[in-house]
C-alpha atoms as a PDB file:
ATOM      1  CA  MET A   1     257.245 127.617  84.817  1.00  0.00           C
ATOM      2  CA  SER A   2     260.209 127.642  87.168  1.00  0.00           C
ATOM      3  CA  THR A   3     261.249 124.648  89.222  1.00  0.00           C
ATOM      4  CA  TYR A   4     261.897 124.939  92.918  1.00  0.00           C
ATOM      5  CA  PHE A   5     262.226 122.770  96.015  1.00  0.00           C
ATOM      6  CA  THR A   6     261.777 123.395  99.725  1.00  0.00           C
ATOM      7  CA  PHE A   7     264.272 122.115 102.290  1.00  0.00           C
ATOM      8  CA  LYS A   8     264.008 122.631 106.065  1.00  0.00           C
ATOM      9  CA  GLY A   9     260.942 124.821 105.450  1.00  0.00           C
ATOM     10  CA  VAL A  10     262.781 127.254 103.148  1.00  0.00           C
ATOM     11  CA  SER A  11     262.080 127.470  99.431  1.00  0.00           C
ATOM     12  CA  SER A  12     264.905 127.589  96.907  1.00  0.00           C
ATOM     13  CA  ALA A  13     263.077 130.548  95.338  1.00  0.00           C
ATOM     14  CA  ALA A  14     263.292 132.422  98.661  1.00  0.00           C
ATOM     15  CA  LYS A  15     267.065 131.839  98.565  1.00  0.00           C
ATOM     16  CA  GLY A  16     267.249 133.431  95.106  1.00  0.00           C
ATOM     17  CA  LEU A  17     268.046 130.199  93.282  1.00  0.00           C
ATOM     18  CA  THR A  18     267.079 129.188  89.782  1.00  0.00           C
ATOM     19  CA  VAL A  19     266.639 125.419  89.892  1.00  0.00           C
ATOM     20  CA  GLN A  20     266.775 122.736  87.233  1.00  0.00           C
ATOM     21  CA  THR A  21     265.877 119.132  88.069  1.00  0.00           C
ATOM     22  CA  VAL A  22     268.699 116.753  87.159  1.00  0.00           C
ATOM     23  CA  ASN A  23     267.179 113.558  88.555  1.00  0.00           C
ATOM     24  CA  GLU A  24     263.987 112.828  90.476  1.00  0.00           C
ATOM     25  CA  PRO A  25     263.206 109.102  90.180  1.00  0.00           C
ATOM     26  CA  LEU A  26     259.553 108.173  89.791  1.00  0.00           C
ATOM     27  CA  THR A  27     260.079 104.807  91.485  1.00  0.00           C
ATOM     28  CA  PRO A  28     262.754 103.462  93.824  1.00  0.00           C
ATOM     29  CA  SER A  29     265.107 100.637  92.875  1.00  0.00           C
ATOM     30  CA  VAL A  30     264.432  97.217  94.354  1.00  0.00           C
ATOM     31  CA  LYS A  31     267.128  95.906  96.688  1.00  0.00           C
ATOM     32  CA  GLN A  32     268.540  92.906  94.896  1.00  0.00           C
ATOM     33  CA  HIS A  33     269.841  89.815  96.617  1.00  0.00           C
ATOM     34  CA  ILE A  34     271.375  87.844  93.774  1.00  0.00           C
ATOM     35  CA  HIS A  35     273.425  84.682  94.277  1.00  0.00           C
ATOM     36  CA  ASN A  36     275.624  83.288  91.495  1.00  0.00           C
ATOM     37  CA  PRO A  37     276.414  79.679  92.443  1.00  0.00           C
ATOM     38  CA  ALA A  38     279.623  78.407  90.907  1.00  0.00           C
ATOM     39  CA  PHE A  39     278.095  75.016  90.123  1.00  0.00           C
ATOM     40  CA  MET A  40     275.225  76.194  87.899  1.00  0.00           C
ATOM     41  CA  ASP A  41     274.421  78.446  84.977  1.00  0.00           C
ATOM     42  CA  GLY A  42     272.690  81.734  85.748  1.00  0.00           C
ATOM     43  CA  SER A  43     271.810  83.125  89.133  1.00  0.00           C
ATOM     44  CA  ILE A  44     269.226  82.864  91.890  1.00  0.00           C
ATOM     45  CA  ASP A  45     267.267  85.972  92.888  1.00  0.00           C
ATOM     46  CA  PHE A  46     266.406  86.016  96.604  1.00  0.00           C
ATOM     47  CA  SER A  47     264.972  89.574  96.444  1.00  0.00           C
ATOM     48  CA  ASP A  48     261.376  88.394  96.944  1.00  0.00           C
ATOM     49  CA  LEU A  49     262.103  85.404  99.202  1.00  0.00           C
ATOM     50  CA  THR A  50     259.793  86.578 102.001  1.00  0.00           C
ATOM     51  CA  GLY A  51     257.023  87.655  99.633  1.00  0.00           C
ATOM     52  CA  ASN A  52     257.881  91.320 100.113  1.00  0.00           C
ATOM     53  CA  LEU A  53     260.194  93.454  98.035  1.00  0.00           C
ATOM     54  CA  HIS A  54     262.477  95.936  99.768  1.00  0.00           C
ATOM     55  CA  TYR A  55     263.620  99.190  98.214  1.00  0.00           C
ATOM     56  CA  GLU A  56     266.718 101.371  98.017  1.00  0.00           C
ATOM     57  CA  ASP A  57     266.689 105.049  98.960  1.00  0.00           C
ATOM     58  CA  LYS A  58     266.220 107.507  96.109  1.00  0.00           C
ATOM     59  CA  VAL A  59     268.660 110.274  95.220  1.00  0.00           C
ATOM     60  CA  ILE A  60     267.107 113.528  94.016  1.00  0.00           C
ATOM     61  CA  GLU A  61     269.449 115.987  92.299  1.00  0.00           C
ATOM     62  CA  TYR A  62     269.084 119.623  91.290  1.00  0.00           C
ATOM     63  CA  THR A  63     271.357 122.100  89.553  1.00  0.00           C
ATOM     64  CA  CYS A  64     271.067 125.494  91.237  1.00  0.00           C
ATOM     65  CA  ARG A  65     272.188 128.880  89.921  1.00  0.00           C
ATOM     66  CA  PHE A  66     272.363 132.299  91.525  1.00  0.00           C
ATOM     67  CA  LYS A  67     273.737 135.755  90.791  1.00  0.00           C
ATOM     68  CA  CYS A  68     275.121 138.331  93.195  1.00  0.00           C
ATOM     69  CA  ALA A  69     275.962 142.007  92.861  1.00  0.00           C
ATOM     70  CA  ASP A  70     279.638 141.665  93.815  1.00  0.00           C
ATOM     71  CA  ILE A  71     282.285 139.316  95.201  1.00  0.00           C
ATOM     72  CA  ASN A  72     281.430 140.134  98.847  1.00  0.00           C
ATOM     73  CA  ALA A  73     277.747 139.313  98.326  1.00  0.00           C
ATOM     74  CA  PHE A  74     278.837 136.135  96.524  1.00  0.00           C
ATOM     75  CA  ALA A  75     280.912 134.977  99.510  1.00  0.00           C
ATOM     76  CA  LEU A  76     278.040 135.659 101.928  1.00  0.00           C
ATOM     77  CA  LYS A  77     275.583 133.841  99.642  1.00  0.00           C
ATOM     78  CA  CYS A  78     277.842 130.775  99.497  1.00  0.00           C
ATOM     79  CA  ASP A  79     278.043 130.663 103.309  1.00  0.00           C
ATOM     80  CA  GLU A  80     274.260 131.081 103.605  1.00  0.00           C
ATOM     81  CA  LEU A  81     273.528 128.314 101.081  1.00  0.00           C
ATOM     82  CA  GLY A  82     276.088 125.982 102.656  1.00  0.00           C
ATOM     83  CA  ALA A  83     274.488 126.356 106.090  1.00  0.00           C
ATOM     84  CA  TRP A  84     270.991 125.796 104.676  1.00  0.00           C
ATOM     85  CA  LEU A  85     271.891 122.718 102.619  1.00  0.00           C
ATOM     86  CA  THR A  86     273.833 120.905 105.342  1.00  0.00           C
ATOM     87  CA  GLY A  87     272.368 117.980 107.268  1.00  0.00           C
ATOM     88  CA  LYS A  88     268.854 116.631 107.141  1.00  0.00           C
ATOM     89  CA  GLY A  89     265.300 117.923 107.157  1.00  0.00           C
ATOM     90  CA  THR A  90     262.014 117.824 105.281  1.00  0.00           C
ATOM     91  CA  LEU A  91     262.258 118.102 101.505  1.00  0.00           C
ATOM     92  CA  ILE A  92     259.364 119.043  99.273  1.00  0.00           C
ATOM     93  CA  SER A  93     260.564 118.127  95.811  1.00  0.00           C
ATOM     94  CA  ALA A  94     259.945 119.896  92.525  1.00  0.00           C
ATOM     95  CA  ARG A  95     257.136 117.377  91.905  1.00  0.00           C
ATOM     96  CA  SER A  96     255.543 118.414  95.244  1.00  0.00           C
ATOM     97  CA  LYS A  97     256.413 115.117  96.966  1.00  0.00           C
ATOM     98  CA  GLN A  98     257.290 115.440 100.659  1.00  0.00           C
ATOM     99  CA  TYR A  99     260.092 113.442 102.294  1.00  0.00           C
ATOM    100  CA  SER A 100     260.470 114.008 106.047  1.00  0.00           C
ATOM    101  CA  ASN A 101     263.955 112.545 106.430  1.00  0.00           C
ATOM    102  CA  ALA A 102     265.855 113.980 103.463  1.00  0.00           C
ATOM    103  CA  ARG A 103     269.623 114.032 103.848  1.00  0.00           C
ATOM    104  CA  CYS A 104     271.965 116.367 102.061  1.00  0.00           C
ATOM    105  CA  TYR A 105     275.290 114.741 102.915  1.00  0.00           C
ATOM    106  CA  SER A 106     277.166 115.043  99.642  1.00  0.00           C
ATOM    107  CA  GLY A 107     279.492 118.002  99.446  1.00  0.00           C
ATOM    108  CA  ILE A 108     278.369 121.037  97.506  1.00  0.00           C
ATOM    109  CA  ALA A 109     281.028 122.829  95.501  1.00  0.00           C
ATOM    110  CA  ILE A 110     280.897 125.790  93.180  1.00  0.00           C
ATOM    111  CA  ALA A 111     283.247 125.332  90.251  1.00  0.00           C
ATOM    112  CA  PRO A 112     286.140 127.849  90.287  1.00  0.00           C
ATOM    113  CA  GLN A 113     285.133 129.324  86.919  1.00  0.00           C
ATOM    114  CA  PHE A 114     281.992 130.635  88.611  1.00  0.00           C
ATOM    115  CA  TYR A 115     283.712 132.500  91.464  1.00  0.00           C
ATOM    116  CA  GLY A 116     282.757 136.126  91.326  1.00  0.00           C
ATOM    117  CA  THR A 117     279.125 137.080  90.964  1.00  0.00           C
ATOM    118  CA  TYR A 118     277.586 133.985  89.336  1.00  0.00           C
ATOM    119  CA  GLY A 119     277.299 130.616  91.066  1.00  0.00           C
ATOM    120  CA  GLU A 120     276.233 127.193  89.865  1.00  0.00           C
ATOM    121  CA  PHE A 121     276.241 123.952  91.846  1.00  0.00           C
ATOM    122  CA  THR A 122     274.532 120.567  92.010  1.00  0.00           C
ATOM    123  CA  VAL A 123     272.874 119.440  95.219  1.00  0.00           C
ATOM    124  CA  SER A 124     271.863 115.834  95.963  1.00  0.00           C
ATOM    125  CA  PHE A 125     269.280 114.728  98.518  1.00  0.00           C
ATOM    126  CA  THR A 126     269.036 111.138  99.717  1.00  0.00           C
ATOM    127  CA  VAL A 127     265.426 110.353 100.620  1.00  0.00           C
ATOM    128  CA  GLY A 128     263.422 107.280 101.556  1.00  0.00           C
ATOM    129  CA  PRO A 129     262.039 105.124  98.777  1.00  0.00           C
ATOM    130  CA  PHE A 130     258.522 106.562  99.042  1.00  0.00           C
ATOM    131  CA  PRO A 131     257.207 110.060  99.820  1.00  0.00           C
ATOM    132  CA  ASP A 132     255.305 110.722 103.033  1.00  0.00           C
ATOM    133  CA  VAL A 133     251.615 109.869 102.869  1.00  0.00           C
ATOM    134  CA  ALA A 134     249.438 112.995 102.950  1.00  0.00           C
ATOM    135  CA  GLY A 135     247.504 113.316 106.169  1.00  0.00           C
ATOM    136  CA  ALA A 136     249.597 110.745 108.042  1.00  0.00           C
END
C-alpha cells in the first residue's frame, strides 16, 4: 500500500511522487502556560485556568521521492513541485484527515547528491490542531 497526500486539490501520486510519512501526530500538543515562582518549589500550571485547554498547531512531515528521465526533466520537475508546494491550501493527509488551512512555509531542498535524475526531499505542513469536521 503506497502512501500519498493531496495538497491544493492535487495528489502526490499525480505528481509522480513516492511518499513516506515521517510524522503525522495523532493528537495536538497542549499549549502550556507554566510559571516557576522563585519563592517556591515546583511550578504552577495555568494551562487550564479558564476550564478549557488550548492546543498548538500540528506539523505533518513527508519524505518524497521521484525519478526523471534526464537532467532537463529533473529541473522542470523541481520547478513544478516547488510551485505546487508553496503557500497554503487544503491538505488531505495520508490518514485521510482534511485540513483546510495547511501551510507549507518551510523551505524544500533537494540534497546535492540527488541532483540528476533522482530526487528526494522532506516537506512539512503546518496545520490546525484538529482536522476539519466532515460535513461542516
